[in-house]
Amino acid sequence: MVGAGKTSKSRIQFVRQYPAILRGPAGEPYVARAYMDRQPGGLWEAWLVFFSLRNGVALATDRETTQSKREHVLYWATGLGPTYLKGALERALDLRAHAQLARRSARAEGEEAYALREAEVYVAAATSALRAAAAARDRIVRGK
């Protein structure tokens, strides 16, 4: 059950929804879904989100896996059984907002590092282009 696509700002992709209804400590029912995102370095991370069937509140785990290929995340997601999902729900309940903030913080740091590397490449390219233009200008001036 691979989900549809990306939005222009988000690369987060729905992977699959699990059929089992999980129960929280007070018996509240949750449905689990797996999501993934490609990181700036090319690796894929995946996590689980549990949606309360009582009030719609979503609880996310921290990263559950990191894989080198998208297909590996899809395969990983097919192997999660009720015991794993129950443990992940407990982790999500323990983490709540902390997991979401930690993931967002790590993603922001990764994106910042990627942007800095990208800027370095552009500065080097611009410097090279300016040198080439100056050399061409000097050849034209000397040629006259």
Protein backbone atom coordinates (compact mmCIF):
# COMPACT_ATOMS: atom_id res chain seq x y z
CA MET A 1 0.00 0.00 0.00
CA VAL A 2 2.44 2.67 -1.09
CA GLY A 3 0.95 6.07 -0.77
CA ALA A 4 0.79 8.78 -3.26
CA GLY A 5 3.12 11.49 -3.65
CA LYS A 6 4.93 14.35 -2.34
CA THR A 7 3.96 17.91 -1.99
CA SER A 8 6.28 20.60 -3.27
CA LYS A 9 7.57 21.44 0.21
CA SER A 10 7.48 18.02 1.86
CA ARG A 11 9.14 14.81 0.82
CA ILE A 12 7.33 12.81 3.47
CA GLN A 13 5.61 9.83 1.91
CA PHE A 14 2.95 7.50 3.26
CA VAL A 15 4.17 3.90 3.18
CA ARG A 16 1.39 1.73 4.59
CA GLN A 17 -1.42 1.43 7.10
CA TYR A 18 -1.57 -1.62 9.36
CA PRO A 19 -4.88 -3.46 9.73
CA ALA A 20 -4.65 -4.26 13.45
CA ILE A 21 -6.31 -1.89 15.91
CA LEU A 22 -3.87 -1.28 18.75
CA ARG A 23 -4.87 -0.37 22.29
CA GLY A 24 -3.18 2.24 24.47
CA PRO A 25 -2.77 1.86 28.25
CA ALA A 26 -6.32 3.03 28.95
CA GLY A 27 -7.78 0.93 26.15
CA GLU A 28 -7.97 3.77 23.63
CA PRO A 29 -7.86 2.44 20.04
CA TYR A 30 -5.15 3.47 17.58
CA VAL A 31 -4.41 2.71 13.97
CA ALA A 32 -0.75 2.65 12.85
CA ARG A 33 0.73 4.04 9.66
CA ALA A 34 4.32 4.06 8.42
CA TYR A 35 5.87 7.11 6.77
CA MET A 36 9.24 7.77 5.16
CA ASP A 37 11.38 10.65 4.02
CA ARG A 38 14.57 10.90 1.99
CA GLN A 39 17.31 12.76 3.78
CA PRO A 40 19.69 15.23 2.09
CA GLY A 41 22.50 12.65 2.14
CA GLY A 42 20.34 10.20 0.18
CA LEU A 43 19.39 7.78 2.96
CA TRP A 44 15.76 7.04 3.73
CA GLU A 45 14.32 7.15 7.23
CA ALA A 46 10.99 5.79 8.35
CA TRP A 47 8.85 6.17 11.45
CA LEU A 48 5.41 5.22 12.65
CA VAL A 49 2.43 7.43 13.42
CA PHE A 50 -0.46 6.24 15.56
CA PHE A 51 -3.83 7.89 15.08
CA SER A 52 -6.34 7.78 17.90
CA LEU A 53 -9.69 6.49 16.72
CA ARG A 54 -11.34 8.41 19.56
CA ASN A 55 -10.06 11.92 18.97
CA GLY A 56 -7.81 11.79 15.88
CA VAL A 57 -4.67 12.77 17.80
CA ALA A 58 -1.52 11.63 16.01
CA LEU A 59 1.48 10.29 17.95
CA ALA A 60 4.75 9.72 16.14
CA THR A 61 7.74 7.61 17.03
CA ASP A 62 11.25 8.80 16.47
CA ARG A 63 13.03 7.27 13.48
CA GLU A 64 12.43 3.51 13.45
CA THR A 65 14.78 2.63 10.59
CA THR A 66 17.27 4.14 8.17
CA GLN A 67 17.76 2.45 4.82
CA SER A 68 19.90 3.14 1.77
CA LYS A 69 17.06 2.62 -0.71
CA ARG A 70 13.38 3.47 -0.80
CA GLU A 71 12.57 -0.15 -1.66
CA HIS A 72 14.29 -1.27 1.54
CA VAL A 73 11.97 0.92 3.61
CA LEU A 74 8.97 -0.55 1.79
CA TYR A 75 10.24 -4.05 2.58
CA TRP A 76 10.95 -3.14 6.22
CA ALA A 77 7.40 -1.84 6.60
CA THR A 78 5.89 -5.12 5.41
CA GLY A 79 7.57 -7.05 8.22
CA LEU A 80 6.14 -5.17 11.19
CA GLY A 81 3.81 -7.30 13.24
CA PRO A 82 1.46 -6.50 16.13
CA THR A 83 4.15 -6.99 18.80
CA TYR A 84 6.50 -4.51 17.15
CA LEU A 85 3.66 -2.04 16.58
CA LYS A 86 2.54 -2.30 20.22
CA GLY A 87 6.08 -1.49 21.40
CA ALA A 88 6.27 1.40 18.95
CA LEU A 89 2.95 2.75 20.24
CA GLU A 90 4.35 2.67 23.77
CA ARG A 91 7.47 4.55 22.59
CA ALA A 92 5.29 7.12 20.81
CA LEU A 93 3.16 7.62 23.92
CA ASP A 94 6.34 8.11 25.98
CA LEU A 95 7.90 10.51 23.47
CA ARG A 96 4.87 12.44 22.23
CA ALA A 97 6.00 15.90 21.20
CA HIS A 98 9.67 15.15 21.92
CA ALA A 99 9.88 12.68 19.02
CA GLN A 100 8.40 15.13 16.57
CA LEU A 101 10.69 17.93 17.70
CA ALA A 102 13.79 15.72 17.61
CA ARG A 103 13.00 14.54 14.07
CA ARG A 104 12.31 18.07 12.87
CA SER A 105 15.49 19.35 14.51
CA ALA A 106 17.63 16.61 12.94
CA ARG A 107 16.03 17.24 9.54
CA ALA A 108 16.64 21.01 9.84
CA GLU A 109 20.29 20.43 10.78
CA GLY A 110 20.73 18.09 7.82
CA GLU A 111 19.10 20.55 5.46
CA GLU A 112 21.30 23.36 6.79
CA ALA A 113 24.45 21.28 6.20
CA TYR A 114 23.24 20.41 2.71
CA ALA A 115 22.51 24.07 1.94
CA LEU A 116 25.98 25.07 3.14
CA ARG A 117 27.63 22.43 0.92
CA GLU A 118 25.48 23.55 -1.99
CA ALA A 119 26.46 27.20 -1.38
CA GLU A 120 30.15 26.23 -1.34
CA VAL A 121 29.74 24.54 -4.73
CA TYR A 122 28.02 27.63 -6.14
CA VAL A 123 30.69 29.97 -4.75
CA ALA A 124 33.41 27.81 -6.29
CA ALA A 125 31.55 27.75 -9.62
CA ALA A 126 31.04 31.52 -9.55
CA THR A 127 34.71 32.10 -8.72
CA SER A 128 35.74 29.85 -11.59
CA ALA A 129 33.35 31.62 -13.98
CA LEU A 130 34.68 35.05 -12.91
CA ARG A 131 38.27 33.90 -13.47
CA ALA A 132 37.36 32.55 -16.90
CA ALA A 133 35.58 35.81 -17.78
CA ALA A 134 38.55 37.88 -16.58
CA ALA A 135 40.94 35.73 -18.62
CA ALA A 136 38.73 36.08 -21.68
CA ARG A 137 38.54 39.86 -21.16
CA ASP A 138 42.34 40.05 -20.85
CA ARG A 139 42.77 38.07 -24.06
CA ILE A 140 40.35 40.40 -25.86
CA VAL A 141 42.11 43.52 -24.52
CA ARG A 142 45.56 42.16 -25.45
CA GLY A 143 44.25 41.11 -28.85
CA LYS A 144 43.24 44.65 -29.79
